């Protein structure tokens, strides 16, 4: 089973150590907030640093990432110690998790990249507020595509939420305006 088979299904919940050795649980759907979960090959490498910093900058600059509209989580097979150095050097503002035992990669079916030429693929998952995997992007060499992919999906999820809220509001208002039937 490949990561593509997760699309449309409930995202797996996993607990990994963050860069401070504290357990961090990825619990899709728990808070009703979309999750951008990105798996990357190696902290500190050129492409991974660029990708991680693009997510950091998006969180600071783009509206669809602000006000708890999304959670961004980075995962690589690097040790906790290496993650700590990476997070501090790049001033990353989101959880960066150590997956040395490849538990999350296994749960999310993320294998090798570039048709098996690299040990670890670069795959980003979009998980909606209900915990469903909506889509994923596998682009090992194109690190710049991942934050753009997430931005477009967050915009789409936000529109879906606004549409759903707009459809519920008139029904609620109509219910309030309807007089109660006469009990006689």
N, C-alpha and C. Protein backbone atom coordinates (compact mmCIF):
# COMPACT_ATOMS: atom_id res chain seq x y z
N UNK A 1 0.85 -1.19 0.00
CA UNK A 1 0.00 0.00 0.00
C UNK A 1 0.89 1.24 0.00
N UNK A 2 0.59 2.15 -0.88
CA UNK A 2 1.35 3.39 -1.00
C UNK A 2 0.61 4.53 -0.32
N UNK A 3 1.30 5.65 -0.14
CA UNK A 3 0.69 6.80 0.53
C UNK A 3 -0.56 7.27 -0.20
N UNK A 4 -0.65 7.07 -1.50
CA UNK A 4 -1.83 7.50 -2.27
C UNK A 4 -3.10 6.81 -1.77
N UNK A 5 -2.94 5.61 -1.22
CA UNK A 5 -4.09 4.86 -0.72
C UNK A 5 -4.71 5.49 0.52
N UNK A 6 -4.00 6.42 1.15
CA UNK A 6 -4.53 7.10 2.34
C UNK A 6 -5.49 8.23 2.00
N UNK A 7 -5.46 8.70 0.75
CA UNK A 7 -6.32 9.82 0.36
C UNK A 7 -7.79 9.40 0.49
N UNK A 8 -8.54 10.22 1.22
CA UNK A 8 -9.94 9.94 1.46
C UNK A 8 -10.19 9.12 2.71
N UNK A 9 -9.12 8.74 3.39
CA UNK A 9 -9.25 7.94 4.61
C UNK A 9 -8.81 8.75 5.82
N UNK A 10 -9.14 8.24 7.00
CA UNK A 10 -8.70 8.88 8.24
C UNK A 10 -7.19 8.77 8.36
N UNK A 11 -6.56 9.90 8.67
CA UNK A 11 -5.10 9.93 8.81
C UNK A 11 -4.67 9.21 10.08
N UNK A 12 -3.56 8.49 10.01
CA UNK A 12 -3.06 7.79 11.20
C UNK A 12 -2.61 8.78 12.29
N UNK A 13 -2.79 8.36 13.52
CA UNK A 13 -2.30 9.11 14.67
C UNK A 13 -0.98 8.47 15.10
N UNK A 14 0.04 9.28 15.30
CA UNK A 14 1.34 8.78 15.74
C UNK A 14 1.94 9.74 16.76
N UNK A 15 2.76 9.20 17.64
CA UNK A 15 3.47 10.00 18.63
C UNK A 15 4.97 9.84 18.40
N UNK A 16 5.64 10.97 18.25
CA UNK A 16 7.09 11.00 18.01
C UNK A 16 7.72 12.04 18.93
N UNK A 17 9.01 11.94 19.18
CA UNK A 17 9.67 12.99 19.96
C UNK A 17 9.87 14.25 19.12
N UNK A 18 9.62 15.40 19.75
CA UNK A 18 9.92 16.64 19.05
C UNK A 18 11.40 16.98 19.26
N UNK A 19 11.79 18.15 18.82
CA UNK A 19 13.20 18.54 18.89
C UNK A 19 13.69 18.78 20.32
N UNK A 20 12.77 18.78 21.29
CA UNK A 20 13.15 18.90 22.71
C UNK A 20 12.98 17.58 23.45
N UNK A 21 12.86 16.49 22.70
CA UNK A 21 12.68 15.13 23.24
C UNK A 21 11.32 14.91 23.90
N UNK A 22 10.41 15.86 23.79
CA UNK A 22 9.08 15.70 24.36
C UNK A 22 8.19 14.96 23.37
N UNK A 23 7.33 14.08 23.85
CA UNK A 23 6.44 13.37 22.93
C UNK A 23 5.43 14.34 22.32
N UNK A 24 5.22 14.22 21.03
CA UNK A 24 4.26 15.05 20.31
C UNK A 24 3.35 14.10 19.53
N UNK A 25 2.07 14.21 19.76
CA UNK A 25 1.12 13.33 19.09
C UNK A 25 0.46 14.05 17.92
N UNK A 26 0.59 13.46 16.76
CA UNK A 26 -0.13 13.93 15.59
C UNK A 26 -1.49 13.24 15.68
N UNK A 27 -2.51 14.02 15.99
CA UNK A 27 -3.84 13.47 16.23
C UNK A 27 -4.84 14.15 15.29
N UNK A 28 -4.87 13.73 14.02
CA UNK A 28 -5.72 14.39 13.03
C UNK A 28 -7.20 14.41 13.41
N UNK A 29 -7.81 15.58 13.25
CA UNK A 29 -9.23 15.75 13.52
C UNK A 29 -9.56 16.09 14.96
N UNK A 30 -8.62 15.95 15.86
CA UNK A 30 -8.90 16.17 17.29
C UNK A 30 -9.36 17.60 17.58
N UNK A 31 -8.67 18.57 16.99
CA UNK A 31 -8.99 19.97 17.26
C UNK A 31 -9.81 20.63 16.16
N UNK A 32 -10.14 19.89 15.10
CA UNK A 32 -10.90 20.46 14.00
C UNK A 32 -10.10 21.39 13.11
N UNK A 33 -8.77 21.34 13.23
CA UNK A 33 -7.90 22.23 12.47
C UNK A 33 -7.15 21.40 11.41
N UNK A 34 -7.09 21.90 10.17
CA UNK A 34 -6.32 21.18 9.15
C UNK A 34 -4.85 21.06 9.53
N UNK A 35 -4.23 19.97 9.07
CA UNK A 35 -2.81 19.72 9.33
C UNK A 35 -2.07 19.61 8.01
N UNK A 36 -0.96 20.30 7.91
CA UNK A 36 -0.03 20.12 6.81
C UNK A 36 1.14 19.33 7.39
N UNK A 37 1.22 18.07 7.03
CA UNK A 37 2.25 17.17 7.56
C UNK A 37 3.25 16.91 6.46
N UNK A 38 4.48 17.42 6.66
CA UNK A 38 5.46 17.22 5.59
C UNK A 38 6.62 16.36 6.07
N UNK A 39 6.88 15.34 5.27
CA UNK A 39 8.01 14.44 5.49
C UNK A 39 9.14 14.92 4.58
N UNK A 40 10.31 15.06 5.16
CA UNK A 40 11.46 15.50 4.37
C UNK A 40 12.65 14.61 4.69
N UNK A 41 13.61 14.53 3.76
CA UNK A 41 14.71 13.57 3.91
C UNK A 41 15.73 13.86 5.01
N UNK A 42 16.22 15.12 5.11
CA UNK A 42 17.34 15.34 6.03
C UNK A 42 17.43 16.79 6.50
N UNK A 43 17.34 16.99 7.81
CA UNK A 43 17.49 18.32 8.38
C UNK A 43 18.87 18.88 8.07
N UNK A 44 18.88 20.13 7.63
CA UNK A 44 20.14 20.80 7.36
C UNK A 44 20.60 20.72 5.92
N UNK A 45 20.03 19.81 5.12
CA UNK A 45 20.42 19.75 3.71
C UNK A 45 19.81 20.96 3.00
N UNK A 46 20.34 21.29 1.83
CA UNK A 46 19.92 22.49 1.13
C UNK A 46 18.41 22.52 0.87
N UNK A 47 17.88 21.51 0.20
CA UNK A 47 16.47 21.49 -0.16
C UNK A 47 15.55 21.43 1.04
N UNK A 48 15.94 20.65 2.04
CA UNK A 48 15.10 20.52 3.24
C UNK A 48 15.09 21.81 4.05
N UNK A 49 16.21 22.50 4.09
CA UNK A 49 16.26 23.79 4.77
C UNK A 49 15.38 24.80 4.07
N UNK A 50 15.45 24.84 2.75
CA UNK A 50 14.60 25.77 1.98
C UNK A 50 13.13 25.46 2.22
N UNK A 51 12.76 24.18 2.16
CA UNK A 51 11.37 23.79 2.37
C UNK A 51 10.89 24.18 3.77
N UNK A 52 11.67 23.85 4.79
CA UNK A 52 11.30 24.14 6.17
C UNK A 52 11.14 25.65 6.38
N UNK A 53 12.03 26.43 5.79
CA UNK A 53 11.97 27.88 5.95
C UNK A 53 10.79 28.48 5.18
N UNK A 54 10.40 27.86 4.06
CA UNK A 54 9.22 28.34 3.34
C UNK A 54 7.96 28.15 4.19
N UNK A 55 7.88 27.04 4.91
CA UNK A 55 6.74 26.84 5.81
C UNK A 55 6.80 27.83 6.97
N UNK A 56 7.98 28.06 7.52
CA UNK A 56 8.13 29.05 8.61
C UNK A 56 7.65 30.42 8.14
N UNK A 57 8.08 30.82 6.95
CA UNK A 57 7.70 32.13 6.42
C UNK A 57 6.20 32.21 6.11
N UNK A 58 5.64 31.12 5.59
CA UNK A 58 4.20 31.10 5.29
C UNK A 58 3.38 31.28 6.56
N UNK A 59 3.81 30.64 7.64
CA UNK A 59 3.11 30.78 8.92
C UNK A 59 3.11 32.23 9.40
N UNK A 60 4.18 32.95 9.11
CA UNK A 60 4.30 34.34 9.56
C UNK A 60 3.60 35.32 8.62
N UNK A 61 3.52 34.97 7.33
CA UNK A 61 3.10 35.95 6.33
C UNK A 61 1.74 35.71 5.68
N UNK A 62 1.30 34.48 5.57
CA UNK A 62 0.10 34.19 4.79
C UNK A 62 -1.12 34.01 5.69
N UNK A 63 -2.20 34.67 5.33
CA UNK A 63 -3.43 34.65 6.13
C UNK A 63 -3.96 33.25 6.37
N UNK A 64 -3.91 32.37 5.35
CA UNK A 64 -4.51 31.03 5.50
C UNK A 64 -3.78 30.18 6.54
N UNK A 65 -2.59 30.60 6.95
CA UNK A 65 -1.83 29.87 7.97
C UNK A 65 -2.03 30.47 9.36
N UNK A 66 -2.59 31.68 9.44
CA UNK A 66 -2.66 32.41 10.71
C UNK A 66 -3.89 32.05 11.53
N UNK A 67 -3.88 32.51 12.78
CA UNK A 67 -5.03 32.38 13.69
C UNK A 67 -5.48 30.93 13.85
N UNK A 68 -4.56 30.05 14.00
CA UNK A 68 -4.89 28.63 14.22
C UNK A 68 -5.73 28.04 13.09
N UNK A 69 -5.54 28.52 11.88
CA UNK A 69 -6.27 27.97 10.74
C UNK A 69 -5.63 26.69 10.22
N UNK A 70 -4.40 26.45 10.65
CA UNK A 70 -3.69 25.25 10.21
C UNK A 70 -2.55 24.95 11.16
N UNK A 71 -2.20 23.67 11.22
CA UNK A 71 -1.03 23.23 11.97
C UNK A 71 -0.04 22.67 10.95
N UNK A 72 1.19 23.12 11.02
CA UNK A 72 2.25 22.61 10.16
C UNK A 72 3.16 21.75 11.03
N UNK A 73 3.48 20.56 10.53
CA UNK A 73 4.35 19.64 11.26
C UNK A 73 5.37 19.07 10.29
N UNK A 74 6.64 19.16 10.65
CA UNK A 74 7.71 18.58 9.84
C UNK A 74 8.24 17.31 10.48
N UNK A 75 8.55 16.31 9.64
CA UNK A 75 9.04 15.03 10.13
C UNK A 75 10.20 14.56 9.26
N UNK A 76 11.29 14.17 9.91
CA UNK A 76 12.40 13.55 9.17
C UNK A 76 13.00 12.45 10.04
N UNK A 77 13.80 11.58 9.44
CA UNK A 77 14.39 10.49 10.21
C UNK A 77 15.60 10.90 11.06
N UNK A 78 15.86 12.19 11.16
CA UNK A 78 17.00 12.67 11.93
C UNK A 78 16.78 12.50 13.43
N UNK A 79 17.88 12.47 14.17
CA UNK A 79 17.83 12.34 15.62
C UNK A 79 17.25 13.60 16.26
N UNK A 80 16.81 13.48 17.49
CA UNK A 80 16.29 14.62 18.25
C UNK A 80 17.35 15.71 18.32
N UNK A 81 18.59 15.32 18.57
CA UNK A 81 19.68 16.30 18.68
C UNK A 81 19.86 17.08 17.38
N UNK A 82 19.81 16.40 16.26
CA UNK A 82 19.97 17.07 14.97
C UNK A 82 18.77 17.98 14.69
N UNK A 83 17.57 17.52 15.09
CA UNK A 83 16.38 18.35 14.90
C UNK A 83 16.48 19.64 15.72
N UNK A 84 16.99 19.52 16.94
CA UNK A 84 17.11 20.69 17.81
C UNK A 84 18.04 21.74 17.18
N UNK A 85 19.18 21.30 16.68
CA UNK A 85 20.13 22.21 16.02
C UNK A 85 19.45 22.87 14.81
N UNK A 86 18.74 22.07 14.03
CA UNK A 86 18.05 22.56 12.82
C UNK A 86 16.99 23.59 13.18
N UNK A 87 16.14 23.28 14.15
CA UNK A 87 15.07 24.19 14.55
C UNK A 87 15.64 25.50 15.07
N UNK A 88 16.65 25.42 15.91
CA UNK A 88 17.22 26.64 16.49
C UNK A 88 17.95 27.47 15.45
N UNK A 89 18.71 26.83 14.59
CA UNK A 89 19.45 27.58 13.56
C UNK A 89 18.52 28.26 12.57
N UNK A 90 17.44 27.58 12.18
CA UNK A 90 16.52 28.13 11.18
C UNK A 90 15.34 28.89 11.80
N UNK A 91 15.28 28.92 13.14
CA UNK A 91 14.20 29.61 13.86
C UNK A 91 12.82 29.13 13.40
N UNK A 92 12.67 27.81 13.36
CA UNK A 92 11.40 27.21 12.94
C UNK A 92 10.37 27.36 14.04
N UNK A 93 9.15 27.66 13.67
CA UNK A 93 8.10 28.00 14.63
C UNK A 93 6.99 26.96 14.73
N UNK A 94 7.25 25.77 14.26
CA UNK A 94 6.26 24.70 14.27
C UNK A 94 6.93 23.42 14.73
N UNK A 95 6.15 22.40 15.08
CA UNK A 95 6.75 21.14 15.54
C UNK A 95 7.60 20.47 14.45
N UNK A 96 8.79 20.08 14.84
CA UNK A 96 9.69 19.32 13.96
C UNK A 96 10.00 18.04 14.74
N UNK A 97 9.61 16.91 14.16
CA UNK A 97 9.65 15.65 14.87
C UNK A 97 10.73 14.72 14.35
N UNK A 98 11.25 13.91 15.26
CA UNK A 98 12.27 12.92 14.94
C UNK A 98 11.60 11.57 14.72
N UNK A 99 11.81 11.00 13.54
CA UNK A 99 11.21 9.71 13.19
C UNK A 99 12.32 8.69 12.92
N UNK A 100 13.24 8.57 13.88
CA UNK A 100 14.39 7.67 13.69
C UNK A 100 13.97 6.22 13.45
N UNK A 101 12.87 5.81 14.09
CA UNK A 101 12.41 4.42 13.94
C UNK A 101 11.47 4.27 12.74
N UNK A 102 11.27 5.35 12.01
CA UNK A 102 10.43 5.38 10.81
C UNK A 102 8.97 4.98 11.08
N UNK A 103 8.50 5.26 12.28
CA UNK A 103 7.12 4.92 12.65
C UNK A 103 6.11 5.74 11.84
N UNK A 104 6.33 7.03 11.75
CA UNK A 104 5.39 7.88 11.00
C UNK A 104 5.49 7.59 9.51
N UNK A 105 6.70 7.41 9.02
CA UNK A 105 6.86 7.08 7.59
C UNK A 105 6.13 5.77 7.27
N UNK A 106 6.20 4.82 8.17
CA UNK A 106 5.51 3.55 7.95
C UNK A 106 3.99 3.76 8.01
N UNK A 107 3.51 4.49 9.01
CA UNK A 107 2.07 4.72 9.15
C UNK A 107 1.49 5.45 7.94
N UNK A 108 2.27 6.39 7.39
CA UNK A 108 1.81 7.18 6.25
C UNK A 108 2.29 6.62 4.90
N UNK A 109 2.93 5.47 4.94
CA UNK A 109 3.36 4.75 3.73
C UNK A 109 4.31 5.57 2.86
N UNK A 110 5.20 6.34 3.51
CA UNK A 110 6.17 7.16 2.78
C UNK A 110 7.47 6.37 2.69
N UNK A 111 7.84 5.98 1.51
CA UNK A 111 9.04 5.18 1.32
C UNK A 111 10.20 5.97 0.75
N UNK A 112 10.88 5.34 -0.18
CA UNK A 112 12.02 5.97 -0.83
C UNK A 112 11.53 6.99 -1.84
N UNK A 113 12.44 7.88 -2.21
CA UNK A 113 12.08 8.92 -3.17
C UNK A 113 12.72 8.68 -4.52
N UNK A 114 12.25 9.44 -5.48
CA UNK A 114 12.80 9.40 -6.84
C UNK A 114 12.95 7.97 -7.38
N UNK A 115 11.84 7.25 -7.34
CA UNK A 115 11.80 5.87 -7.84
C UNK A 115 12.85 4.99 -7.17
N UNK A 116 13.06 5.21 -5.87
CA UNK A 116 13.97 4.38 -5.11
C UNK A 116 15.42 4.84 -5.09
N UNK A 117 15.71 5.96 -5.73
CA UNK A 117 17.10 6.45 -5.79
C UNK A 117 17.54 7.16 -4.51
N UNK A 118 16.58 7.70 -3.76
CA UNK A 118 16.91 8.33 -2.47
C UNK A 118 16.24 7.54 -1.35
N UNK A 119 16.90 7.51 -0.20
CA UNK A 119 16.39 6.73 0.93
C UNK A 119 15.03 7.21 1.43
N UNK A 120 14.79 8.51 1.36
CA UNK A 120 13.56 9.06 1.93
C UNK A 120 12.91 10.03 0.97
N UNK A 121 11.63 9.83 0.74
CA UNK A 121 10.87 10.73 -0.13
C UNK A 121 10.49 12.01 0.60
N UNK A 122 10.19 13.02 -0.18
CA UNK A 122 9.66 14.29 0.33
C UNK A 122 8.18 14.29 -0.04
N UNK A 123 7.33 14.07 0.96
CA UNK A 123 5.89 13.97 0.73
C UNK A 123 5.17 14.85 1.75
N UNK A 124 4.21 15.64 1.27
CA UNK A 124 3.41 16.49 2.14
C UNK A 124 1.95 16.06 2.05
N UNK A 125 1.34 15.88 3.22
CA UNK A 125 -0.06 15.49 3.31
C UNK A 125 -0.89 16.68 3.78
N UNK A 126 -2.08 16.81 3.21
CA UNK A 126 -3.08 17.76 3.70
C UNK A 126 -4.17 16.94 4.36
N UNK A 127 -4.37 17.22 5.63
CA UNK A 127 -5.37 16.51 6.43
C UNK A 127 -6.40 17.55 6.87
N UNK A 128 -7.66 17.32 6.54
CA UNK A 128 -8.67 18.32 6.88
C UNK A 128 -9.01 18.31 8.37
N UNK A 129 -9.87 19.22 8.79
CA UNK A 129 -10.21 19.37 10.20
C UNK A 129 -10.94 18.17 10.79
N UNK A 130 -11.44 17.29 9.94
CA UNK A 130 -12.10 16.07 10.41
C UNK A 130 -11.14 14.89 10.50
N UNK A 131 -9.88 15.13 10.10
CA UNK A 131 -8.88 14.07 10.18
C UNK A 131 -8.75 13.22 8.93
N UNK A 132 -9.34 13.67 7.83
CA UNK A 132 -9.30 12.92 6.57
C UNK A 132 -8.15 13.43 5.70
N UNK A 133 -7.37 12.50 5.15
CA UNK A 133 -6.31 12.87 4.20
C UNK A 133 -6.99 13.31 2.92
N UNK A 134 -6.83 14.56 2.57
CA UNK A 134 -7.49 15.09 1.37
C UNK A 134 -6.61 14.96 0.13
N UNK A 135 -5.30 15.10 0.32
CA UNK A 135 -4.39 15.03 -0.82
C UNK A 135 -2.97 14.92 -0.30
N UNK A 136 -2.06 14.62 -1.21
CA UNK A 136 -0.64 14.56 -0.86
C UNK A 136 0.18 14.92 -2.08
N UNK A 137 1.34 15.44 -1.83
CA UNK A 137 2.27 15.81 -2.90
C UNK A 137 3.58 15.10 -2.67
N UNK A 138 4.02 14.37 -3.68
CA UNK A 138 5.31 13.68 -3.65
C UNK A 138 6.20 14.37 -4.66
N UNK A 139 7.10 15.19 -4.19
CA UNK A 139 8.01 15.92 -5.06
C UNK A 139 9.35 16.03 -4.35
N UNK A 140 10.15 14.99 -4.48
CA UNK A 140 11.41 14.93 -3.74
C UNK A 140 12.38 16.03 -4.16
N UNK A 141 12.48 16.29 -5.44
CA UNK A 141 13.43 17.31 -5.90
C UNK A 141 12.86 18.73 -5.86
N UNK A 142 11.55 18.86 -5.96
CA UNK A 142 10.93 20.18 -6.00
C UNK A 142 10.46 20.60 -4.61
N UNK A 143 11.42 20.96 -3.75
CA UNK A 143 11.09 21.34 -2.38
C UNK A 143 10.21 22.58 -2.33
N UNK A 144 10.31 23.45 -3.32
CA UNK A 144 9.53 24.69 -3.33
C UNK A 144 8.05 24.49 -3.60
N UNK A 145 7.67 23.35 -4.13
CA UNK A 145 6.27 23.11 -4.47
C UNK A 145 5.42 22.83 -3.24
N UNK A 146 6.01 22.40 -2.16
CA UNK A 146 5.25 21.93 -1.00
C UNK A 146 4.48 23.04 -0.29
N UNK A 147 5.09 24.16 -0.01
CA UNK A 147 4.36 25.23 0.69
C UNK A 147 3.28 25.81 -0.23
N UNK A 148 3.53 25.85 -1.54
CA UNK A 148 2.51 26.33 -2.48
C UNK A 148 1.33 25.36 -2.50
N UNK A 149 1.61 24.08 -2.49
CA UNK A 149 0.59 23.03 -2.47
C UNK A 149 -0.28 23.20 -1.21
N UNK A 150 0.36 23.39 -0.07
CA UNK A 150 -0.37 23.54 1.19
C UNK A 150 -1.20 24.82 1.18
N UNK A 151 -0.64 25.91 0.69
CA UNK A 151 -1.37 27.18 0.64
C UNK A 151 -2.66 27.02 -0.17
N UNK A 152 -2.57 26.41 -1.34
CA UNK A 152 -3.76 26.23 -2.19
C UNK A 152 -4.80 25.36 -1.49
N UNK A 153 -4.34 24.31 -0.82
CA UNK A 153 -5.28 23.44 -0.13
C UNK A 153 -5.92 24.13 1.06
N UNK A 154 -5.15 24.91 1.80
CA UNK A 154 -5.72 25.62 2.95
C UNK A 154 -6.77 26.63 2.50
N UNK A 155 -6.51 27.29 1.37
CA UNK A 155 -7.50 28.21 0.82
C UNK A 155 -8.77 27.46 0.44
N UNK A 156 -8.62 26.29 -0.16
CA UNK A 156 -9.77 25.47 -0.55
C UNK A 156 -10.55 25.01 0.68
N UNK A 157 -9.84 24.54 1.71
CA UNK A 157 -10.51 24.08 2.93
C UNK A 157 -11.22 25.22 3.64
N UNK A 158 -10.63 26.41 3.61
CA UNK A 158 -11.25 27.56 4.24
C UNK A 158 -12.55 27.93 3.51
N UNK A 159 -12.53 27.88 2.17
CA UNK A 159 -13.75 28.16 1.39
C UNK A 159 -14.83 27.12 1.68
N UNK A 160 -14.43 25.85 1.77
CA UNK A 160 -15.39 24.79 2.08
C UNK A 160 -16.05 25.05 3.44
N UNK A 161 -15.25 25.45 4.41
CA UNK A 161 -15.76 25.72 5.76
C UNK A 161 -16.72 26.91 5.74
N UNK A 162 -16.36 27.97 5.01
CA UNK A 162 -17.21 29.15 4.93
C UNK A 162 -18.53 28.82 4.24
N UNK A 163 -18.47 28.00 3.20
CA UNK A 163 -19.67 27.60 2.48
C UNK A 163 -20.58 26.78 3.39
N UNK A 164 -19.99 25.86 4.14
CA UNK A 164 -20.78 25.03 5.06
C UNK A 164 -21.42 25.89 6.15
N UNK A 165 -20.68 26.85 6.67
CA UNK A 165 -21.22 27.74 7.70
C UNK A 165 -22.35 28.61 7.14
N UNK A 166 -22.20 29.08 5.90
CA UNK A 166 -23.21 29.92 5.27
C UNK A 166 -24.50 29.12 5.03
N UNK A 167 -24.36 27.83 4.72
CA UNK A 167 -25.53 26.99 4.49
C UNK A 167 -26.26 26.68 5.78
N UNK A 168 -25.53 26.58 6.88
CA UNK A 168 -26.13 26.28 8.17
C UNK A 168 -26.82 27.53 8.75
N UNK A 169 -26.25 28.70 8.56
CA UNK A 169 -26.78 29.93 9.14
C UNK A 169 -28.22 30.22 8.71
N UNK A 170 -28.57 30.17 7.40
CA UNK A 170 -29.96 30.45 7.03
C UNK A 170 -30.94 29.43 7.62
N UNK A 171 -30.54 28.20 7.74
CA UNK A 171 -31.41 27.17 8.33
C UNK A 171 -31.66 27.50 9.80
N UNK A 172 -30.62 27.91 10.51
CA UNK A 172 -30.76 28.27 11.93
C UNK A 172 -31.67 29.48 12.07
N UNK A 173 -31.49 30.47 11.21
CA UNK A 173 -32.33 31.68 11.26
C UNK A 173 -33.78 31.37 10.92
N UNK A 174 -34.01 30.50 9.96
CA UNK A 174 -35.37 30.14 9.57
C UNK A 174 -36.07 29.40 10.71
N UNK A 175 -35.35 28.57 11.43
CA UNK A 175 -35.90 27.83 12.56
C UNK A 175 -36.33 28.79 13.66
N UNK A 176 -35.50 29.80 13.92
CA UNK A 176 -35.82 30.75 14.96
C UNK A 176 -37.04 31.59 14.59
N UNK A 177 -37.22 31.89 13.30
CA UNK A 177 -38.29 32.78 12.85
C UNK A 177 -39.63 32.03 12.74
N UNK A 178 -39.62 30.73 12.68
CA UNK A 178 -40.84 29.95 12.51
C UNK A 178 -41.59 29.89 13.84
N UNK A 179 -42.83 30.32 13.83
CA UNK A 179 -43.58 30.27 15.10
C UNK A 179 -43.86 28.82 15.47
N UNK A 180 -43.98 28.60 16.75
CA UNK A 180 -44.28 27.25 17.26
C UNK A 180 -45.72 26.90 16.89
N UNK A 181 -45.99 25.64 16.58
CA UNK A 181 -47.37 25.26 16.25
C UNK A 181 -48.28 25.47 17.47
N UNK A 182 -49.53 25.81 17.17
CA UNK A 182 -50.49 26.06 18.22
C UNK A 182 -50.81 24.75 18.92
N UNK A 183 -50.76 24.75 20.24
CA UNK A 183 -50.94 23.53 21.02
C UNK A 183 -52.40 23.12 21.11
N UNK A 184 -53.33 23.98 20.66
CA UNK A 184 -54.77 23.66 20.80
C UNK A 184 -55.17 22.65 19.82
